[in-house]
Amino acid sequence: MNLDNLNNLIELFSSQAEKQNKKSIFLEWLNPNNKKSYTWEESQKNILKLSKVIKENIREGDRCLLVSENRPEWFISDMAIMLSGGITVPAYTTYTEDDYKYLIEDCEPSLVIVSNHEMLKKLNNTINEKKFIKKVITLDEVNGAIHGLNIINRDNYLDFNIILKNNLLEKDIIQNKKLKRTSPACIIYTSGTGGNPKGVILSHGGILNNLVGACEIMKPLFSSRPVFLTWLPLSHSYEHCVQFAQIAVGAKVFYAEKIEKLLENISEAKPTIMTAVPRFYQNLYNKININLKKQTGFKAKLIEETLRLGKKKLLNQKMTFSEKLLNLIVETLVRKKIKKQFGGNLKAFVSGGGALDQEIGEFLNSVGLPTLQGYGLTETSPVVSCNPIHKIKVETVGPPFKGNQVKIAEDGEILVKGENVMLGYWNKKEETDKVIVNGWLHTGDIGEIDPEDGYLKITDRKKDIIVSAGGDNISPAKIENMITNEPEIDQCMVYGDKKNYLVALVVPSKDFLHEKEKINNVIEKINKKLTLLEKIKKIQLIDENFSIENGLMTPTMKVKRKKVTEKYKNQLEELY
């Protein structure tokens, strides 16, 4: 499929749906209480049916809020909104009532599509007071969704499943010829590590441009129809783009039941490719590493050789004949067993949404779990670059995708230009003009480009850099990664802007909650690997994890530094 010739994402789906076996399953939800699957033909018909109803209730360019867990209906709704001339505004299911109120007041949606009763409960008060919301469509049965809620106008509520039962007449089929590559496809709100989130307007062309690079990365990974397991929130730009990559390669898509059931879902789906964020890989690294360290004797030696030879292969170092032979043995005895835990068909993990620690990347690749680190932002639709399977450099985020221009500013900031760059922030021209200058997006990340192969390396986050009292720039991310790679420590945040030394908030692992001496020993061990400026002088142990639920992490599991600092301000200041 020539993605460069497509005008919009609807054309992408329609052309792929025509090529596929109409009876072949395209979308499937692994929720045992609500198991659903849709063929390519059913998906296409349902998109057309839903788009007819949406078009009757919105005008061209109206925003449509989509609040749902990952499920097949999410995809159908997204496509139907675009086909009807609307702009999808996905929202995290973990948002609070105030978060939804802010979002609704900012983008003023004409229509809301919401999954179930629990989610509608948080939206209901705002829906009741905003007259610009004309209709609400519930993915679950409408009477169940509204039960017990103060609904002002019941006629404004429609049932998704009833809509899909309608007959599709020829005259009802919408063909939106107005959608161009420059047309807005969605407004994705940044997860907001500090302050209110901003609505990022992404174009059809921006996402299609991204798919060219994504398909190049994926092409060598499979010879037959690929299988994806979707579990990251579809409201995040990373997974939102992945769903279109799934279309582009004609994949079968499974939607995970929930994060707690992820490993079970992996065994069931047997994915070819999985996308995840660094926090997932860090947990995976700790889990595998702890189990491996328990081994003794011959098994321990075997694991040692697995890691040594895996790293050698990763670095393209020559192996002796005996090493090649031994590598074949550990491939069968160690790597194959680890792969089996992930369904047995996994060709690669793709890491995005934050920096992956080099040690973790080397480890996963060495034990037979190829991990391709990429880089991007919501503002770049979202991928800028990614490592290809044939040449993985774990310390980098790979070469830029085709069509993405990347350069490094004088102060080290990464600048990006191309069709993939956002159209702007919704209703925030001043903010847009600050980050897009002469067509170049200022990413806020610090990096460098290898002059030999063009691979991009991220060295820091501009806004996260700690400036000491002496004016020295210190990277907290580097230190935090080193600390959380230790099994005794679950999470941490380094603090020390405009201070004489660094301190850290530390969340111990559950087995070390009250082992302050052991935690101090870990910090002491880490300090020996750090420069004088980077050393952690004091720590404060906390027994509550940073989480999405308590508002201290974003939905993609990044620490909200500002929120954490506000919450623990007194404890942090007591360390000075």
Protein backbone atom coordinates (compact mmCIF):
# COMPACT_ATOMS: atom_id res chain seq x y z
CA MET A 1 0.00 0.00 0.00
CA ASN A 2 1.37 3.40 -1.03
CA LEU A 3 0.69 5.54 2.03
CA ASP A 4 1.99 8.69 0.33
CA ASN A 5 -0.95 8.64 -2.10
CA LEU A 6 -3.65 8.50 0.57
CA ASN A 7 -5.58 11.65 1.48
CA ASN A 8 -6.80 10.59 4.92
CA LEU A 9 -7.06 7.79 7.48
CA ILE A 10 -10.52 6.74 6.25
CA GLU A 11 -9.00 5.91 2.86
CA LEU A 12 -6.34 3.87 4.66
CA PHE A 13 -8.94 1.69 6.37
CA SER A 14 -11.25 1.39 3.35
CA SER A 15 -8.48 0.32 0.99
CA GLN A 16 -7.15 -2.26 3.49
CA ALA A 17 -10.64 -3.58 4.27
CA GLU A 18 -11.19 -4.22 0.54
CA LYS A 19 -7.97 -6.28 0.35
CA GLN A 20 -8.62 -8.41 3.42
CA ASN A 21 -10.79 -11.50 3.75
CA LYS A 22 -14.10 -9.94 4.77
CA LYS A 23 -14.87 -12.80 7.19
CA SER A 24 -11.45 -12.66 8.84
CA ILE A 25 -11.46 -11.39 12.45
CA PHE A 26 -9.93 -7.92 12.67
CA LEU A 27 -10.75 -6.76 16.23
CA GLU A 28 -11.21 -8.88 19.36
CA TRP A 29 -11.66 -7.95 23.02
CA LEU A 30 -10.23 -10.35 25.60
CA ASN A 31 -12.72 -9.36 28.28
CA PRO A 32 -14.39 -12.61 29.47
CA ASN A 33 -17.45 -10.66 30.68
CA ASN A 34 -17.91 -8.84 27.39
CA LYS A 35 -16.16 -10.87 24.71
CA LYS A 36 -16.56 -9.22 21.33
CA SER A 37 -15.02 -9.64 17.94
CA TYR A 38 -15.55 -7.93 14.59
CA THR A 39 -14.53 -9.05 11.12
CA TRP A 40 -13.15 -6.56 8.60
CA GLU A 41 -16.58 -6.48 6.93
CA GLU A 42 -18.45 -5.95 10.21
CA SER A 43 -16.00 -3.21 11.26
CA GLN A 44 -16.53 -1.37 7.98
CA LYS A 45 -20.34 -1.62 8.12
CA ASN A 46 -20.43 -0.53 11.76
CA ILE A 47 -18.27 2.51 11.02
CA LEU A 48 -20.71 3.52 8.27
CA LYS A 49 -23.78 3.00 10.51
CA LEU A 50 -22.32 5.00 13.38
CA SER A 51 -21.02 7.80 11.15
CA LYS A 52 -24.56 8.36 9.77
CA VAL A 53 -25.90 9.01 13.29
CA ILE A 54 -22.92 11.19 14.27
CA LYS A 55 -23.22 13.29 11.11
CA GLU A 56 -26.89 13.99 11.92
CA ASN A 57 -25.80 15.54 15.22
CA ILE A 58 -22.62 17.48 14.48
CA ARG A 59 -21.27 20.02 12.04
CA GLU A 60 -18.04 19.79 10.06
CA GLY A 61 -15.07 20.30 12.38
CA ASP A 62 -17.02 19.72 15.61
CA ARG A 63 -15.14 17.99 18.39
CA CYS A 64 -16.34 14.61 19.63
CA LEU A 65 -15.14 13.43 23.06
CA LEU A 66 -14.32 9.71 23.30
CA VAL A 67 -14.02 8.23 26.80
CA SER A 68 -13.55 4.47 26.88
CA GLU A 69 -11.24 1.66 27.87
CA ASN A 70 -9.46 -0.11 25.00
CA ARG A 71 -12.05 -2.17 23.13
CA PRO A 72 -13.12 -2.70 19.49
CA GLU A 73 -15.83 -0.04 19.77
CA TRP A 74 -13.10 2.53 20.47
CA PHE A 75 -11.67 2.03 16.99
CA ILE A 76 -15.11 1.98 15.33
CA SER A 77 -16.05 5.23 17.11
CA ASP A 78 -12.80 6.95 16.18
CA MET A 79 -13.16 6.11 12.50
CA ALA A 80 -16.86 7.02 12.45
CA ILE A 81 -16.16 10.44 13.98
CA MET A 82 -13.57 11.21 11.31
CA LEU A 83 -15.81 9.93 8.48
CA SER A 84 -18.68 12.14 9.67
CA GLY A 85 -16.46 15.23 9.57
CA GLY A 86 -15.81 15.45 13.30
CA ILE A 87 -12.54 15.61 15.19
CA THR A 88 -11.88 12.90 17.78
CA VAL A 89 -10.86 14.07 21.25
CA PRO A 90 -9.80 10.94 23.18
CA ALA A 91 -9.66 11.21 26.98
CA TYR A 92 -8.08 8.97 29.60
CA THR A 93 -10.44 6.82 31.65
CA THR A 94 -8.34 7.66 34.72
CA TYR A 95 -9.27 11.34 34.61
CA THR A 96 -11.12 12.86 37.56
CA GLU A 97 -14.41 14.75 37.26
CA ASP A 98 -12.45 18.04 37.31
CA ASP A 99 -10.12 16.78 34.55
CA TYR A 100 -13.09 16.03 32.30
CA LYS A 101 -14.65 19.39 33.12
CA TYR A 102 -11.43 21.16 32.08
CA LEU A 103 -11.23 19.15 28.84
CA ILE A 104 -14.88 19.72 27.92
CA GLU A 105 -14.70 23.44 28.63
CA ASP A 106 -11.53 23.70 26.57
CA CYS A 107 -12.58 21.86 23.39
CA GLU A 108 -16.42 22.23 23.63
CA PRO A 109 -17.47 18.89 22.10
CA SER A 110 -20.86 18.59 20.40
CA LEU A 111 -20.99 14.87 21.02
CA VAL A 112 -19.70 12.54 23.73
CA ILE A 113 -19.10 8.81 23.28
CA VAL A 114 -18.65 7.12 26.65
CA SER A 115 -18.14 3.48 27.55
CA ASN A 116 -20.12 2.69 30.68
CA HIS A 117 -21.84 3.82 33.87
CA GLU A 118 -18.65 4.32 35.89
CA MET A 119 -17.19 6.67 33.32
CA LEU A 120 -20.43 8.50 32.64
CA LYS A 121 -20.81 9.15 36.37
CA LYS A 122 -17.69 11.41 36.26
CA LEU A 123 -18.92 13.22 33.14
CA ASN A 124 -22.59 13.61 33.97
CA ASN A 125 -22.56 16.90 35.91
CA THR A 126 -20.55 18.65 33.20
CA ILE A 127 -22.72 17.18 30.41
CA ASN A 128 -25.83 18.49 32.19
CA GLU A 129 -24.51 22.04 32.43
CA LYS A 130 -23.01 22.37 28.92
CA LYS A 131 -25.60 23.16 26.27
CA PHE A 132 -23.13 22.69 23.41
CA ILE A 133 -23.18 18.89 24.05
CA LYS A 134 -26.03 17.72 21.80
CA LYS A 135 -25.82 13.92 22.09
CA VAL A 136 -24.25 11.21 24.25
CA ILE A 137 -23.64 7.71 22.85
CA THR A 138 -22.96 4.90 25.34
CA LEU A 139 -20.97 1.83 24.25
CA ASP A 140 -22.62 -0.33 26.92
CA GLU A 141 -26.40 -0.67 27.09
CA VAL A 142 -27.73 2.86 27.59
CA ASN A 143 -30.22 2.15 30.40
CA GLY A 144 -27.48 0.51 32.45
CA ALA A 145 -25.08 3.38 31.74
CA ILE A 146 -27.47 6.10 32.93
CA HIS A 147 -29.02 4.13 35.81
CA GLY A 148 -29.13 6.15 39.02
CA LEU A 149 -27.73 9.30 37.41
CA ASN A 150 -29.43 12.68 37.24
CA ILE A 151 -30.10 12.81 33.48
CA ILE A 152 -31.73 16.06 32.36
CA ASN A 153 -32.73 14.96 28.85
CA ARG A 154 -33.02 11.19 28.27
CA ASP A 155 -33.65 11.75 24.53
CA ASN A 156 -30.09 12.99 24.13
CA TYR A 157 -28.72 9.56 25.02
CA LEU A 158 -28.22 6.93 22.30
CA ASP A 159 -27.22 3.27 22.52
CA PHE A 160 -24.22 2.25 20.40
CA ASN A 161 -25.47 -1.33 20.05
CA ILE A 162 -28.93 -0.25 18.87
CA ILE A 163 -27.31 2.02 16.27
CA LEU A 164 -25.36 -0.97 14.91
CA LYS A 165 -28.58 -3.00 14.56
CA ASN A 166 -29.97 -0.47 12.06
CA ASN A 167 -30.07 -1.47 8.41
CA LEU A 168 -27.46 0.19 6.23
CA LEU A 169 -29.07 1.67 3.14
CA GLU A 170 -27.10 2.80 0.10
CA LYS A 171 -28.29 6.39 0.58
CA ASP A 172 -26.96 6.41 4.17
CA ILE A 173 -23.35 5.66 3.22
CA ILE A 174 -21.16 8.70 3.85
CA GLN A 175 -18.27 9.47 1.56
CA ASN A 176 -16.29 12.32 3.00
CA LYS A 177 -14.28 13.80 0.13
CA LYS A 178 -13.39 16.94 2.09
CA LEU A 179 -10.79 15.20 4.28
CA LYS A 180 -7.30 16.14 3.13
CA ARG A 181 -3.88 15.35 4.56
CA THR A 182 -3.93 18.81 6.16
CA SER A 183 -7.34 18.23 7.83
CA PRO A 184 -7.38 17.75 11.63
CA ALA A 185 -7.86 14.09 12.56
CA CYS A 186 -7.81 14.35 16.35
CA ILE A 187 -6.98 16.55 19.31
CA ILE A 188 -4.88 14.63 21.79
CA TYR A 189 -4.34 16.25 25.15
CA THR A 190 -0.86 15.94 26.58
CA SER A 191 -0.71 13.90 29.76
CA GLY A 192 0.45 16.94 31.69
CA THR A 193 3.55 16.24 33.82
CA GLY A 194 3.15 19.82 34.95
CA GLY A 195 0.16 22.22 34.68
CA ASN A 196 -3.00 21.72 32.63
CA PRO A 197 -2.80 19.52 29.56
CA LYS A 198 -2.76 21.13 26.11
CA GLY A 199 -4.79 19.92 23.15
CA VAL A 200 -2.46 18.86 20.33
CA ILE A 201 -4.09 18.99 16.88
CA LEU A 202 -2.80 16.19 14.67
CA SER A 203 -3.53 15.99 10.94
CA HIS A 204 -4.41 13.01 8.78
CA GLY A 205 -1.19 13.58 6.83
CA GLY A 206 0.89 13.76 9.99
CA ILE A 207 -0.28 10.33 11.12
CA LEU A 208 -0.01 8.85 7.60
CA ASN A 209 3.53 10.20 7.35
CA ASN A 210 4.34 8.43 10.62
CA LEU A 211 2.98 5.17 9.27
CA VAL A 212 5.51 5.12 6.43
CA GLY A 213 8.33 4.91 8.99
CA ALA A 214 6.41 2.53 11.26
CA CYS A 215 5.78 0.08 8.41
CA GLU A 216 9.47 0.16 7.47
CA ILE A 217 10.32 -0.83 11.05
CA MET A 218 7.72 -3.61 11.12
CA LYS A 219 8.22 -5.09 7.64
CA PRO A 220 11.21 -7.33 8.54
CA LEU A 221 9.49 -8.59 11.71
CA PHE A 222 6.88 -10.87 10.15
CA SER A 223 6.23 -12.99 7.10
CA SER A 224 2.55 -13.72 7.78
CA ARG A 225 -0.32 -11.69 9.20
CA PRO A 226 0.92 -9.97 12.38
CA VAL A 227 -0.91 -10.03 15.71
CA PHE A 228 -1.02 -7.06 18.07
CA LEU A 229 -2.08 -6.86 21.70
CA THR A 230 -3.27 -3.36 22.53
CA TRP A 231 -3.07 -2.42 26.20
CA LEU A 232 -1.62 1.11 26.45
CA PRO A 233 -4.41 3.73 26.58
CA LEU A 234 -5.69 4.52 23.08
CA SER A 235 -6.17 8.09 24.26
CA HIS A 236 -2.36 8.45 24.25
CA SER A 237 -0.85 9.50 20.91
CA TYR A 238 1.57 6.55 20.90
CA GLU A 239 -1.07 3.81 20.98
CA HIS A 240 -3.47 5.96 18.94
CA CYS A 241 -0.96 5.95 16.07
CA VAL A 242 -0.25 2.24 16.56
CA GLN A 243 -3.89 1.41 15.75
CA PHE A 244 -3.42 2.92 12.27
CA ALA A 245 -0.17 1.00 11.82
CA GLN A 246 -2.23 -2.13 12.61
CA ILE A 247 -4.53 -1.26 9.72
CA ALA A 248 -1.62 -0.50 7.37
CA VAL A 249 -0.13 -4.01 7.86
CA GLY A 250 -3.49 -5.81 7.91
CA ALA A 251 -3.01 -7.08 11.48
CA LYS A 252 -5.31 -8.95 13.82
CA VAL A 253 -5.82 -6.81 16.90
CA PHE A 254 -6.52 -8.06 20.41
CA TYR A 255 -7.53 -5.63 23.16
CA ALA A 256 -6.28 -6.56 26.61
CA GLU A 257 -8.85 -7.09 29.36
CA LYS A 258 -6.95 -4.90 31.83
CA ILE A 259 -3.36 -4.28 32.91
CA GLU A 260 -3.63 -6.73 35.83
CA LYS A 261 -4.40 -9.52 33.34
CA LEU A 262 -1.73 -8.52 30.84
CA LEU A 263 0.47 -11.62 31.14
CA GLU A 264 -2.58 -13.90 30.78
CA ASN A 265 -3.71 -11.89 27.76
CA ILE A 266 -0.25 -12.18 26.19
CA SER A 267 -0.43 -15.98 26.50
CA GLU A 268 -3.86 -15.96 24.86
CA ALA A 269 -3.16 -13.47 22.06
CA LYS A 270 0.41 -14.63 21.26
CA PRO A 271 1.34 -11.22 19.79
CA THR A 272 3.93 -10.69 17.07
CA ILE A 273 4.67 -7.15 18.23
CA MET A 274 4.00 -5.36 21.48
CA THR A 275 4.30 -1.67 22.22
CA ALA A 276 4.92 -0.44 25.74
CA VAL A 277 6.41 2.36 27.83
CA PRO A 278 9.71 2.27 29.82
CA ARG A 279 7.96 1.57 33.13
CA PHE A 280 6.67 -1.74 31.72
CA TYR A 281 10.17 -2.76 30.62
CA GLN A 282 11.67 -1.74 33.96
CA ASN A 283 9.18 -3.97 35.80
CA LEU A 284 9.85 -6.76 33.33
CA TYR A 285 13.62 -6.36 33.78
CA ASN A 286 13.33 -6.51 37.58
CA LYS A 287 11.03 -9.54 37.47
CA ILE A 288 13.19 -11.59 35.05
CA ASN A 289 16.42 -10.49 36.75
CA ILE A 290 15.23 -11.50 40.22
CA ASN A 291 14.28 -14.98 38.93
CA LEU A 292 17.59 -15.37 37.10
CA LYS A 293 19.61 -14.37 40.16
CA LYS A 294 17.99 -17.20 42.13
CA GLN A 295 19.65 -19.76 39.87
CA THR A 296 22.83 -21.55 40.98
CA GLY A 297 25.46 -23.88 39.55
CA PHE A 298 25.11 -24.88 35.89
CA LYS A 299 21.93 -22.83 35.38
CA ALA A 300 23.62 -19.68 36.72
CA LYS A 301 26.56 -20.23 34.36
CA LEU A 302 24.17 -20.74 31.45
CA ILE A 303 22.41 -17.46 32.20
CA GLU A 304 25.74 -15.66 32.52
CA GLU A 305 26.72 -16.92 29.06
CA THR A 306 23.29 -16.00 27.66
CA LEU A 307 23.77 -12.39 28.72
CA ARG A 308 27.42 -12.25 27.62
CA LEU A 309 26.81 -13.71 24.17
CA GLY A 310 23.57 -11.76 23.73
CA LYS A 311 25.40 -8.50 24.37
CA LYS A 312 28.20 -9.54 22.03
CA LYS A 313 25.69 -10.20 19.25
CA LEU A 314 23.95 -6.89 19.98
CA LEU A 315 27.24 -5.01 19.59
CA ASN A 316 28.03 -6.93 16.36
CA GLN A 317 31.20 -8.37 17.89
CA LYS A 318 32.70 -11.47 16.29
CA MET A 319 32.13 -14.79 18.01
CA THR A 320 34.50 -17.76 18.02
CA PHE A 321 33.24 -21.10 16.71
CA SER A 322 32.74 -22.37 20.27
CA GLU A 323 30.83 -19.19 21.20
CA LYS A 324 28.55 -19.64 18.18
CA LEU A 325 27.86 -23.21 19.27
CA LEU A 326 27.22 -22.14 22.87
CA ASN A 327 24.93 -19.37 21.64
CA LEU A 328 22.79 -21.96 19.83
CA ILE A 329 22.56 -23.96 23.07
CA VAL A 330 21.48 -20.96 25.22
CA GLU A 331 19.03 -19.97 22.48
CA THR A 332 17.20 -23.26 23.06
CA LEU A 333 17.67 -23.65 26.81
CA VAL A 334 17.20 -20.05 27.97
CA ARG A 335 15.95 -17.56 25.38
CA LYS A 336 13.29 -19.84 23.91
CA LYS A 337 11.82 -20.44 27.40
CA ILE A 338 11.71 -16.71 28.13
CA LYS A 339 10.04 -16.03 24.75
CA LYS A 340 7.44 -18.72 25.50
CA GLN A 341 6.25 -16.67 28.49
CA PHE A 342 5.19 -14.02 25.95
CA GLY A 343 3.22 -16.37 23.74
CA GLY A 344 6.15 -17.75 21.74
CA ASN A 345 5.56 -15.59 18.62
CA LEU A 346 6.96 -12.28 19.83
CA LYS A 347 9.34 -10.78 17.26
CA ALA A 348 9.92 -7.46 19.01
CA PHE A 349 8.95 -5.06 21.75
CA VAL A 350 8.76 -1.42 20.74
CA SER A 351 9.50 1.08 23.50
CA GLY A 352 8.24 4.65 23.41
CA GLY A 353 6.71 7.37 25.57
CA GLY A 354 9.96 8.02 27.50
CA ALA A 355 13.64 7.11 27.72
CA LEU A 356 14.49 3.42 28.10
CA ASP A 357 17.46 2.80 30.37
CA GLN A 358 20.42 1.42 28.40
CA GLU A 359 21.09 -1.38 30.87
CA ILE A 360 17.48 -2.59 30.56
CA GLY A 361 17.62 -2.40 26.74
CA GLU A 362 20.82 -4.45 26.62
CA PHE A 363 19.43 -7.01 29.05
CA LEU A 364 16.13 -7.58 27.21
CA ASN A 365 17.83 -7.89 23.84
CA SER A 366 20.39 -10.30 25.31
CA VAL A 367 17.77 -12.67 26.79
CA GLY A 368 15.97 -12.97 23.46
CA LEU A 369 13.39 -10.19 23.71
CA PRO A 370 14.35 -7.76 20.91
CA THR A 371 13.46 -4.28 22.13
CA LEU A 372 13.38 -1.39 19.67
CA GLN A 373 13.58 1.98 21.36
CA GLY A 374 11.92 4.87 19.59
CA TYR A 375 11.42 8.55 20.29
CA GLY A 376 8.61 10.97 19.78
CA LEU A 377 6.14 13.42 21.22
CA THR A 378 2.41 13.92 20.98
CA GLU A 379 3.31 16.99 18.90
CA THR A 380 5.05 14.79 16.25
CA SER A 381 2.12 12.39 15.55
CA PRO A 382 3.97 10.90 17.57
CA VAL A 383 7.13 9.10 16.33
CA VAL A 384 10.30 10.92 15.29
CA SER A 385 12.71 7.97 15.12
CA CYS A 386 13.10 4.29 16.00
CA ASN A 387 15.73 1.55 16.03
CA PRO A 388 15.36 -1.00 13.20
CA ILE A 389 15.65 -4.71 14.03
CA HIS A 390 18.74 -5.21 11.82
CA LYS A 391 20.79 -2.59 13.66
CA ILE A 392 19.79 -1.98 17.26
CA LYS A 393 21.83 0.59 19.16
CA VAL A 394 20.23 0.53 22.61
CA GLU A 395 21.87 3.75 23.72
CA THR A 396 20.02 5.57 20.91
CA VAL A 397 16.47 6.02 19.61
CA GLY A 398 17.43 5.08 16.06
CA PRO A 399 17.44 7.12 12.83
CA PRO A 400 14.60 9.56 12.01
CA PHE A 401 11.63 8.24 10.05
CA LYS A 402 11.41 9.09 6.37
CA GLY A 403 10.03 12.62 5.97
CA ASN A 404 11.13 13.73 9.45
CA GLN A 405 13.84 16.39 9.46
CA VAL A 406 15.84 16.51 12.69
CA LYS A 407 18.58 18.90 13.76
CA ILE A 408 20.26 19.92 17.00
CA ALA A 409 20.07 23.56 18.11
CA GLU A 410 23.08 25.40 19.53
CA ASP A 411 21.94 24.68 23.09
CA GLY A 412 21.57 20.96 22.31
CA GLU A 413 17.77 20.97 21.92
CA ILE A 414 16.30 18.57 19.35
CA LEU A 415 14.32 20.34 16.60
CA VAL A 416 11.91 18.51 14.28
CA LYS A 417 10.34 19.57 10.98
CA GLY A 418 7.97 17.76 8.61
CA GLU A 419 4.40 16.76 7.88
CA ASN A 420 4.32 14.86 11.17
CA VAL A 421 4.55 18.09 13.22
CA MET A 422 1.23 19.10 14.80
CA LEU A 423 -1.05 21.73 13.32
CA GLY A 424 -0.83 23.53 16.67
CA TYR A 425 -2.29 23.60 20.18
CA TRP A 426 -6.07 23.92 20.37
CA ASN A 427 -7.02 27.54 21.13
CA LYS A 428 -3.44 28.34 22.17
CA LYS A 429 -1.77 30.27 19.35
CA GLU A 430 0.74 31.92 21.68
CA GLU A 431 1.82 28.55 23.08
CA THR A 432 2.04 27.15 19.53
CA ASP A 433 4.24 30.02 18.36
CA LYS A 434 6.60 29.41 21.27
CA VAL A 435 7.35 25.82 20.24
CA ILE A 436 7.08 26.02 16.42
CA VAL A 437 9.53 28.58 15.06
CA ASN A 438 10.08 28.84 11.28
CA GLY A 439 8.46 25.41 10.90
CA TRP A 440 10.80 23.76 13.42
CA LEU A 441 9.24 22.18 16.50
CA HIS A 442 11.31 22.77 19.65
CA THR A 443 10.92 19.44 21.45
CA GLY A 444 12.30 20.38 24.85
CA ASP A 445 14.61 17.35 24.67
CA ILE A 446 18.40 17.49 24.56
CA GLY A 447 20.25 15.19 22.21
CA GLU A 448 22.91 14.50 19.62
CA ILE A 449 23.08 12.88 16.19
CA ASP A 450 25.75 10.34 15.28
CA PRO A 451 27.40 11.78 12.13
CA GLU A 452 28.22 8.28 10.84
CA ASP A 453 24.77 6.67 10.74
CA GLY A 454 22.36 9.47 11.68
CA TYR A 455 21.14 7.71 14.82
CA LEU A 456 19.62 10.07 17.37
CA LYS A 457 20.55 9.93 21.04
CA ILE A 458 18.52 11.61 23.79
CA THR A 459 20.71 12.89 26.57
CA ASP A 460 18.18 14.78 28.68
CA ARG A 461 14.87 16.53 29.03
CA LYS A 462 15.39 20.29 28.89
CA LYS A 463 12.67 21.17 31.37
CA ASP A 464 13.62 18.37 33.78
CA ILE A 465 17.26 19.40 34.10
CA ILE A 466 18.16 20.37 37.66
CA VAL A 467 20.23 23.53 37.94
CA SER A 468 22.21 23.48 41.18
CA ALA A 469 22.91 26.51 43.36
CA GLY A 470 26.32 26.65 41.67
CA GLY A 471 24.71 26.81 38.20
CA ASP A 472 25.60 23.23 37.19
CA ASN A 473 23.16 21.25 34.99
CA ILE A 474 22.31 17.80 36.36
CA SER A 475 20.17 15.08 34.73
CA PRO A 476 17.73 13.56 37.26
CA ALA A 477 16.55 10.88 34.80
CA LYS A 478 19.98 9.24 34.61
CA ILE A 479 20.25 9.02 38.42
CA GLU A 480 16.64 7.83 38.87
CA ASN A 481 17.11 5.04 36.31
CA MET A 482 20.22 3.81 38.13
CA ILE A 483 18.40 3.80 41.47
CA THR A 484 15.18 2.11 40.28
CA ASN A 485 17.15 -0.61 38.48
CA GLU A 486 17.99 -1.91 41.94
CA PRO A 487 15.50 -4.58 43.14
CA GLU A 488 15.18 -2.94 46.59
CA ILE A 489 13.72 0.25 45.12
CA ASP A 490 10.45 0.58 43.22
CA GLN A 491 10.32 4.30 42.44
CA CYS A 492 12.22 7.49 43.15
CA MET A 493 12.37 11.17 42.29
CA VAL A 494 15.53 13.25 42.51
CA TYR A 495 15.21 16.85 43.74
CA GLY A 496 17.60 19.74 44.11
CA ASP A 497 16.89 22.69 41.82
CA LYS A 498 18.82 25.78 43.04
CA LYS A 499 20.10 23.72 46.00
CA ASN A 500 23.63 22.91 47.18
CA TYR A 501 23.15 19.15 46.83
CA LEU A 502 20.71 16.52 45.58
CA VAL A 503 18.16 14.59 47.63
CA ALA A 504 15.66 11.92 46.64
CA LEU A 505 12.19 10.65 47.49
CA VAL A 506 12.41 6.86 47.51
CA VAL A 507 9.59 4.30 47.35
CA PRO A 508 11.09 0.94 48.45
CA SER A 509 9.93 -2.37 47.00
CA LYS A 510 7.32 -4.08 49.17
CA ASP A 511 9.91 -6.45 50.70
CA PHE A 512 12.07 -3.51 51.81
CA LEU A 513 9.46 -1.03 53.07
CA HIS A 514 11.01 -0.75 56.52
CA GLU A 515 14.62 -1.53 55.64
CA LYS A 516 16.05 1.98 55.70
CA GLU A 517 19.59 0.78 56.32
CA LYS A 518 19.48 -1.50 53.27
CA ILE A 519 18.05 1.33 51.14
CA ASN A 520 20.83 3.63 52.35
CA ASN A 521 23.38 0.97 51.35
CA VAL A 522 21.85 0.84 47.86
CA ILE A 523 22.08 4.64 47.54
CA GLU A 524 25.68 4.50 48.76
CA LYS A 525 26.46 1.87 46.08
CA ILE A 526 24.89 4.05 43.37
CA ASN A 527 26.73 7.15 44.61
CA LYS A 528 30.06 5.43 43.92
CA LYS A 529 29.14 5.40 40.21
CA LEU A 530 28.15 9.08 40.16
CA THR A 531 30.08 12.31 39.92
CA LEU A 532 30.33 14.56 42.97
CA LEU A 533 27.52 16.79 41.68
CA GLU A 534 25.23 13.80 40.97
CA LYS A 535 25.55 12.09 44.36
CA ILE A 536 22.43 11.79 46.52
CA LYS A 537 23.22 13.24 49.94
CA LYS A 538 19.93 12.48 51.73
CA ILE A 539 16.79 10.47 51.10
CA GLN A 540 13.21 10.45 52.33
CA LEU A 541 11.43 7.09 52.32
CA ILE A 542 7.76 7.16 51.41
CA ASP A 543 5.38 4.20 51.60
CA GLU A 544 2.88 5.31 48.93
CA ASN A 545 3.66 4.54 45.30
CA PHE A 546 3.43 7.24 42.66
CA SER A 547 0.40 6.11 40.69
CA ILE A 548 -2.17 7.23 38.13
CA GLU A 549 -4.90 6.90 40.79
CA ASN A 550 -3.29 9.33 43.24
CA GLY A 551 -2.47 11.79 40.48
CA LEU A 552 1.33 11.46 40.79
CA MET A 553 1.83 9.67 37.47
CA THR A 554 0.56 10.27 33.98
CA PRO A 555 -1.49 7.52 32.26
CA THR A 556 1.72 6.47 30.47
CA MET A 557 3.42 6.04 33.85
CA LYS A 558 5.66 9.12 33.90
CA VAL A 559 6.19 10.80 37.26
CA LYS A 560 4.47 14.18 37.57
CA ARG A 561 7.42 16.00 39.11
CA LYS A 562 5.48 19.14 39.88
CA LYS A 563 2.68 17.25 41.65
CA VAL A 564 5.11 15.07 43.63
CA THR A 565 7.13 18.13 44.66
CA GLU A 566 3.96 19.91 45.81
CA LYS A 567 2.77 16.91 47.82
CA TYR A 568 6.10 16.25 49.54
CA LYS A 569 7.36 19.84 49.71
CA ASN A 570 7.78 19.84 53.51
CA GLN A 571 9.61 16.49 53.60
CA LEU A 572 11.93 17.61 50.78
CA GLU A 573 12.77 20.92 52.42
CA GLU A 574 13.52 19.16 55.72
CA LEU A 575 16.38 17.38 53.94
CA TYR A 576 18.24 20.71 53.58
